[in-house]
């Protein structure tokens, strides 16, 4: 269990460090991501990005289990 938490923590750190470059790739601005902008309000719900990241992580965990 502690090994899994350490790996997840390291993955989060790597993603945090790489986020500026990932943003340039368009991650977070995919079609299907919901953005509502008003005068003093901005709501952003990255549903497509979340699904894509979930599929990628599921594939990685599946590969690690094998």
PDB file of N, CA and C in Angstrom:
ATOM      1  N   UNK A   1       0.824  -1.195   0.000  1.00  0.00           N
ATOM      2  CA  UNK A   1       0.000   0.000   0.000  1.00  0.00           C
ATOM      3  C   UNK A   1       0.872   1.266   0.000  1.00  0.00           C
ATOM      4  N   UNK A   2       1.904   1.286   0.832  1.00  0.00           N
ATOM      5  CA  UNK A   2       2.755   2.479   0.892  1.00  0.00           C
ATOM      6  C   UNK A   2       3.513   2.664  -0.420  1.00  0.00           C
ATOM      7  N   UNK A   3       3.860   1.567  -1.065  1.00  0.00           N
ATOM      8  CA  UNK A   3       4.548   1.650  -2.351  1.00  0.00           C
ATOM      9  C   UNK A   3       3.669   2.315  -3.403  1.00  0.00           C
ATOM     10  N   UNK A   4       2.389   1.956  -3.413  1.00  0.00           N
ATOM     11  CA  UNK A   4       1.434   2.540  -4.352  1.00  0.00           C
ATOM     12  C   UNK A   4       1.268   4.040  -4.101  1.00  0.00           C
ATOM     13  N   UNK A   5       1.197   4.433  -2.845  1.00  0.00           N
ATOM     14  CA  UNK A   5       1.053   5.854  -2.517  1.00  0.00           C
ATOM     15  C   UNK A   5       2.287   6.654  -2.925  1.00  0.00           C
ATOM     16  N   UNK A   6       3.456   6.067  -2.761  1.00  0.00           N
ATOM     17  CA  UNK A   6       4.689   6.753  -3.170  1.00  0.00           C
ATOM     18  C   UNK A   6       4.712   6.921  -4.679  1.00  0.00           C
ATOM     19  N   UNK A   7       4.322   5.877  -5.419  1.00  0.00           N
ATOM     20  CA  UNK A   7       4.296   5.954  -6.880  1.00  0.00           C
ATOM     21  C   UNK A   7       3.286   6.989  -7.343  1.00  0.00           C
ATOM     22  N   UNK A   8       2.099   7.001  -6.740  1.00  0.00           N
ATOM     23  CA  UNK A   8       1.088   7.997  -7.108  1.00  0.00           C
ATOM     24  C   UNK A   8       1.565   9.414  -6.795  1.00  0.00           C
ATOM     25  N   UNK A   9       2.252   9.586  -5.679  1.00  0.00           N
ATOM     26  CA  UNK A   9       2.799  10.896  -5.331  1.00  0.00           C
ATOM     27  C   UNK A   9       3.840  11.358  -6.338  1.00  0.00           C
ATOM     28  N   UNK A  10       4.706  10.446  -6.751  1.00  0.00           N
ATOM     29  CA  UNK A  10       5.719  10.788  -7.748  1.00  0.00           C
ATOM     30  C   UNK A  10       5.085  11.131  -9.093  1.00  0.00           C
ATOM     31  N   UNK A  11       4.045  10.412  -9.463  1.00  0.00           N
ATOM     32  CA  UNK A  11       3.339  10.713 -10.709  1.00  0.00           C
ATOM     33  C   UNK A  11       2.725  12.103 -10.648  1.00  0.00           C
ATOM     34  N   UNK A  12       2.123  12.452  -9.523  1.00  0.00           N
ATOM     35  CA  UNK A  12       1.535  13.787  -9.369  1.00  0.00           C
ATOM     36  C   UNK A  12       2.597  14.880  -9.440  1.00  0.00           C
ATOM     37  N   UNK A  13       3.747  14.637  -8.861  1.00  0.00           N
ATOM     38  CA  UNK A  13       4.837  15.622  -8.918  1.00  0.00           C
ATOM     39  C   UNK A  13       5.309  15.801 -10.356  1.00  0.00           C
ATOM     40  N   UNK A  14       5.481  14.691 -11.072  1.00  0.00           N
ATOM     41  CA  UNK A  14       5.935  14.769 -12.463  1.00  0.00           C
ATOM     42  C   UNK A  14       4.920  15.507 -13.321  1.00  0.00           C
ATOM     43  N   UNK A  15       3.640  15.200 -13.145  1.00  0.00           N
ATOM     44  CA  UNK A  15       2.599  15.892 -13.915  1.00  0.00           C
ATOM     45  C   UNK A  15       2.584  17.374 -13.568  1.00  0.00           C
ATOM     46  N   UNK A  16       2.768  17.714 -12.299  1.00  0.00           N
ATOM     47  CA  UNK A  16       2.810  19.114 -11.896  1.00  0.00           C
ATOM     48  C   UNK A  16       3.970  19.869 -12.511  1.00  0.00           C
ATOM     49  N   UNK A  17       5.109  19.212 -12.598  1.00  0.00           N
ATOM     50  CA  UNK A  17       6.281  19.853 -13.194  1.00  0.00           C
ATOM     51  C   UNK A  17       6.109  19.999 -14.708  1.00  0.00           C
ATOM     52  N   UNK A  18       5.508  18.994 -15.330  1.00  0.00           N
ATOM     53  CA  UNK A  18       5.343  19.002 -16.781  1.00  0.00           C
ATOM     54  C   UNK A  18       4.095  19.745 -17.253  1.00  0.00           C
ATOM     55  N   UNK A  19       3.291  20.265 -16.344  1.00  0.00           N
ATOM     56  CA  UNK A  19       2.019  20.883 -16.715  1.00  0.00           C
ATOM     57  C   UNK A  19       2.146  22.024 -17.735  1.00  0.00           C
ATOM     58  N   UNK A  20       3.142  22.924 -17.626  1.00  0.00           N
ATOM     59  CA  UNK A  20       3.257  23.977 -18.646  1.00  0.00           C
ATOM     60  C   UNK A  20       3.436  23.421 -20.064  1.00  0.00           C
ATOM     61  N   UNK A  21       4.177  22.335 -20.196  1.00  0.00           N
ATOM     62  CA  UNK A  21       4.367  21.740 -21.525  1.00  0.00           C
ATOM     63  C   UNK A  21       3.136  20.955 -21.957  1.00  0.00           C
ATOM     64  N   UNK A  22       2.438  20.345 -21.010  1.00  0.00           N
ATOM     65  CA  UNK A  22       1.206  19.620 -21.343  1.00  0.00           C
ATOM     66  C   UNK A  22       0.119  20.583 -21.800  1.00  0.00           C
ATOM     67  N   UNK A  23       0.106  21.776 -21.231  1.00  0.00           N
ATOM     68  CA  UNK A  23      -0.882  22.774 -21.630  1.00  0.00           C
ATOM     69  C   UNK A  23      -0.662  23.215 -23.075  1.00  0.00           C
ATOM     70  N   UNK A  24       0.592  23.244 -23.506  1.00  0.00           N
ATOM     71  CA  UNK A  24       0.886  23.618 -24.892  1.00  0.00           C
ATOM     72  C   UNK A  24       0.394  22.562 -25.877  1.00  0.00           C
ATOM     73  N   UNK A  25       0.281  21.317 -25.418  1.00  0.00           N
ATOM     74  CA  UNK A  25      -0.215  20.236 -26.272  1.00  0.00           C
ATOM     75  C   UNK A  25      -1.730  20.288 -26.449  1.00  0.00           C
ATOM     76  N   UNK A  26      -2.408  21.093 -25.649  1.00  0.00           N
ATOM     77  CA  UNK A  26      -3.854  21.202 -25.744  1.00  0.00           C
ATOM     78  C   UNK A  26      -4.581  20.395 -24.691  1.00  0.00           C
ATOM     79  N   UNK A  27      -3.840  19.744 -23.810  1.00  0.00           N
ATOM     80  CA  UNK A  27      -4.469  18.983 -22.744  1.00  0.00           C
ATOM     81  C   UNK A  27      -5.157  19.960 -21.803  1.00  0.00           C
ATOM     82  N   UNK A  28      -6.435  19.787 -21.614  1.00  0.00           N
ATOM     83  CA  UNK A  28      -7.212  20.715 -20.808  1.00  0.00           C
ATOM     84  C   UNK A  28      -8.070  21.632 -21.654  1.00  0.00           C
ATOM     85  N   UNK A  29      -7.905  21.600 -22.939  1.00  0.00           N
ATOM     86  CA  UNK A  29      -8.699  22.413 -23.869  1.00  0.00           C
ATOM     87  C   UNK A  29      -9.252  21.550 -24.994  1.00  0.00           C
ATOM     88  N   UNK A  30      -9.628  20.334 -24.667  1.00  0.00           N
ATOM     89  CA  UNK A  30     -10.134  19.408 -25.673  1.00  0.00           C
ATOM     90  C   UNK A  30     -11.615  19.682 -25.965  1.00  0.00           C
ATOM     91  N   UNK A  31     -12.087  19.275 -27.138  1.00  0.00           N
ATOM     92  CA  UNK A  31     -13.522  19.382 -27.412  1.00  0.00           C
ATOM     93  C   UNK A  31     -14.286  18.529 -26.402  1.00  0.00           C
ATOM     94  N   UNK A  32     -15.304  19.071 -25.837  1.00  0.00           N
ATOM     95  CA  UNK A  32     -16.072  18.367 -24.817  1.00  0.00           C
ATOM     96  C   UNK A  32     -15.805  18.896 -23.421  1.00  0.00           C
ATOM     97  N   UNK A  33     -14.726  19.647 -23.233  1.00  0.00           N
ATOM     98  CA  UNK A  33     -14.478  20.307 -21.959  1.00  0.00           C
ATOM     99  C   UNK A  33     -15.436  21.492 -21.850  1.00  0.00           C
ATOM    100  N   UNK A  34     -16.060  21.627 -20.709  1.00  0.00           N
ATOM    101  CA  UNK A  34     -17.095  22.643 -20.525  1.00  0.00           C
ATOM    102  C   UNK A  34     -16.474  23.904 -19.931  1.00  0.00           C
ATOM    103  N   UNK A  35     -16.666  25.031 -20.612  1.00  0.00           N
ATOM    104  CA  UNK A  35     -16.178  26.324 -20.129  1.00  0.00           C
ATOM    105  C   UNK A  35     -17.324  27.320 -20.210  1.00  0.00           C
ATOM    106  N   UNK A  36     -17.668  27.913 -19.068  1.00  0.00           N
ATOM    107  CA  UNK A  36     -18.703  28.942 -19.017  1.00  0.00           C
ATOM    108  C   UNK A  36     -18.048  30.208 -18.485  1.00  0.00           C
ATOM    109  N   UNK A  37     -18.087  31.267 -19.269  1.00  0.00           N
ATOM    110  CA  UNK A  37     -17.473  32.528 -18.860  1.00  0.00           C
ATOM    111  C   UNK A  37     -18.521  33.628 -18.803  1.00  0.00           C
ATOM    112  N   UNK A  38     -18.554  34.313 -17.689  1.00  0.00           N
ATOM    113  CA  UNK A  38     -19.412  35.482 -17.487  1.00  0.00           C
ATOM    114  C   UNK A  38     -18.511  36.653 -17.122  1.00  0.00           C
ATOM    115  N   UNK A  39     -19.100  37.767 -16.751  1.00  0.00           N
ATOM    116  CA  UNK A  39     -18.298  38.948 -16.414  1.00  0.00           C
ATOM    117  C   UNK A  39     -17.315  38.680 -15.278  1.00  0.00           C
ATOM    118  N   UNK A  40     -17.819  38.266 -14.125  1.00  0.00           N
ATOM    119  CA  UNK A  40     -16.961  38.052 -12.949  1.00  0.00           C
ATOM    120  C   UNK A  40     -16.906  36.590 -12.547  1.00  0.00           C
ATOM    121  N   UNK A  41     -17.112  35.702 -13.498  1.00  0.00           N
ATOM    122  CA  UNK A  41     -17.223  34.293 -13.165  1.00  0.00           C
ATOM    123  C   UNK A  41     -16.688  33.445 -14.305  1.00  0.00           C
ATOM    124  N   UNK A  42     -15.961  32.419 -13.938  1.00  0.00           N
ATOM    125  CA  UNK A  42     -15.487  31.470 -14.941  1.00  0.00           C
ATOM    126  C   UNK A  42     -15.591  30.067 -14.358  1.00  0.00           C
ATOM    127  N   UNK A  43     -16.316  29.187 -15.051  1.00  0.00           N
ATOM    128  CA  UNK A  43     -16.477  27.805 -14.637  1.00  0.00           C
ATOM    129  C   UNK A  43     -15.843  26.912 -15.690  1.00  0.00           C
ATOM    130  N   UNK A  44     -14.974  26.023 -15.252  1.00  0.00           N
ATOM    131  CA  UNK A  44     -14.269  25.144 -16.170  1.00  0.00           C
ATOM    132  C   UNK A  44     -14.380  23.721 -15.661  1.00  0.00           C
ATOM    133  N   UNK A  45     -14.932  22.829 -16.477  1.00  0.00           N
ATOM    134  CA  UNK A  45     -15.073  21.417 -16.130  1.00  0.00           C
ATOM    135  C   UNK A  45     -14.487  20.574 -17.255  1.00  0.00           C
ATOM    136  N   UNK A  46     -13.276  20.064 -17.067  1.00  0.00           N
ATOM    137  CA  UNK A  46     -12.580  19.338 -18.138  1.00  0.00           C
ATOM    138  C   UNK A  46     -13.005  17.872 -18.231  1.00  0.00           C
ATOM    139  N   UNK A  47     -14.229  17.619 -18.659  1.00  0.00           N
ATOM    140  CA  UNK A  47     -14.752  16.255 -18.670  1.00  0.00           C
ATOM    141  C   UNK A  47     -14.011  15.365 -19.670  1.00  0.00           C
ATOM    142  N   UNK A  48     -13.742  15.845 -20.872  1.00  0.00           N
ATOM    143  CA  UNK A  48     -13.051  15.040 -21.877  1.00  0.00           C
ATOM    144  C   UNK A  48     -11.608  14.782 -21.452  1.00  0.00           C
ATOM    145  N   UNK A  49     -10.968  15.773 -20.917  1.00  0.00           N
ATOM    146  CA  UNK A  49      -9.601  15.603 -20.431  1.00  0.00           C
ATOM    147  C   UNK A  49      -9.571  14.589 -19.290  1.00  0.00           C
ATOM    148  N   UNK A  50     -10.551  14.646 -18.397  1.00  0.00           N
ATOM    149  CA  UNK A  50     -10.614  13.700 -17.282  1.00  0.00           C
ATOM    150  C   UNK A  50     -10.795  12.273 -17.774  1.00  0.00           C
ATOM    151  N   UNK A  51     -11.646  12.086 -18.758  1.00  0.00           N
ATOM    152  CA  UNK A  51     -11.863  10.749 -19.312  1.00  0.00           C
ATOM    153  C   UNK A  51     -10.594  10.232 -19.977  1.00  0.00           C
ATOM    154  N   UNK A  52      -9.914  11.083 -20.720  1.00  0.00           N
ATOM    155  CA  UNK A  52      -8.675  10.689 -21.397  1.00  0.00           C
ATOM    156  C   UNK A  52      -7.594  10.305 -20.379  1.00  0.00           C
ATOM    157  N   UNK A  53      -7.436  11.090 -19.338  1.00  0.00           N
ATOM    158  CA  UNK A  53      -6.443  10.787 -18.303  1.00  0.00           C
ATOM    159  C   UNK A  53      -6.818   9.503 -17.569  1.00  0.00           C
ATOM    160  N   UNK A  54      -8.103   9.306 -17.304  1.00  0.00           N
ATOM    161  CA  UNK A  54      -8.559   8.090 -16.643  1.00  0.00           C
ATOM    162  C   UNK A  54      -8.247   6.856 -17.484  1.00  0.00           C
ATOM    163  N   UNK A  55      -8.494   6.931 -18.784  1.00  0.00           N
ATOM    164  CA  UNK A  55      -8.184   5.799 -19.661  1.00  0.00           C
ATOM    165  C   UNK A  55      -6.682   5.518 -19.697  1.00  0.00           C
ATOM    166  N   UNK A  56      -5.895   6.574 -19.753  1.00  0.00           N
ATOM    167  CA  UNK A  56      -4.444   6.413 -19.781  1.00  0.00           C
ATOM    168  C   UNK A  56      -3.924   5.785 -18.491  1.00  0.00           C
ATOM    169  N   UNK A  57      -4.416   6.257 -17.353  1.00  0.00           N
ATOM    170  CA  UNK A  57      -3.998   5.693 -16.071  1.00  0.00           C
ATOM    171  C   UNK A  57      -4.468   4.252 -15.913  1.00  0.00           C
ATOM    172  N   UNK A  58      -5.674   3.945 -16.372  1.00  0.00           N
ATOM    173  CA  UNK A  58      -6.168   2.570 -16.311  1.00  0.00           C
ATOM    174  C   UNK A  58      -5.283   1.647 -17.136  1.00  0.00           C
ATOM    175  N   UNK A  59      -4.877   2.101 -18.298  1.00  0.00           N
ATOM    176  CA  UNK A  59      -3.986   1.304 -19.139  1.00  0.00           C
ATOM    177  C   UNK A  59      -2.631   1.091 -18.466  1.00  0.00           C
ATOM    178  N   UNK A  60      -2.085   2.149 -17.869  1.00  0.00           N
ATOM    179  CA  UNK A  60      -0.798   2.024 -17.185  1.00  0.00           C
ATOM    180  C   UNK A  60      -0.876   1.065 -16.002  1.00  0.00           C
ATOM    181  N   UNK A  61      -1.922   1.169 -15.187  1.00  0.00           N
ATOM    182  CA  UNK A  61      -2.066   0.264 -14.047  1.00  0.00           C
ATOM    183  C   UNK A  61      -2.282  -1.173 -14.506  1.00  0.00           C
ATOM    184  N   UNK A  62      -3.015  -1.361 -15.588  1.00  0.00           N
ATOM    185  CA  UNK A  62      -3.220  -2.695 -16.139  1.00  0.00           C
ATOM    186  C   UNK A  62      -1.896  -3.292 -16.592  1.00  0.00           C
ATOM    187  N   UNK A  63      -1.063  -2.472 -17.224  1.00  0.00           N
ATOM    188  CA  UNK A  63       0.243  -2.948 -17.687  1.00  0.00           C
ATOM    189  C   UNK A  63       1.175  -3.267 -16.515  1.00  0.00           C
ATOM    190  N   UNK A  64       1.113  -2.491 -15.427  1.00  0.00           N
ATOM    191  CA  UNK A  64       1.957  -2.748 -14.271  1.00  0.00           C
ATOM    192  C   UNK A  64       1.551  -4.024 -13.540  1.00  0.00           C
ATOM    193  N   UNK A  65       0.261  -4.363 -13.565  1.00  0.00           N
ATOM    194  CA  UNK A  65      -0.202  -5.567 -12.901  1.00  0.00           C
ATOM    195  C   UNK A  65       0.227  -6.839 -13.625  1.00  0.00           C
ATOM    196  N   UNK A  66       0.420  -6.739 -14.922  1.00  0.00           N
ATOM    197  CA  UNK A  66       0.792  -7.925 -15.700  1.00  0.00           C
ATOM    198  C   UNK A  66       2.180  -8.238 -15.457  1.00  0.00           C
TER     199      UNK A  66
END
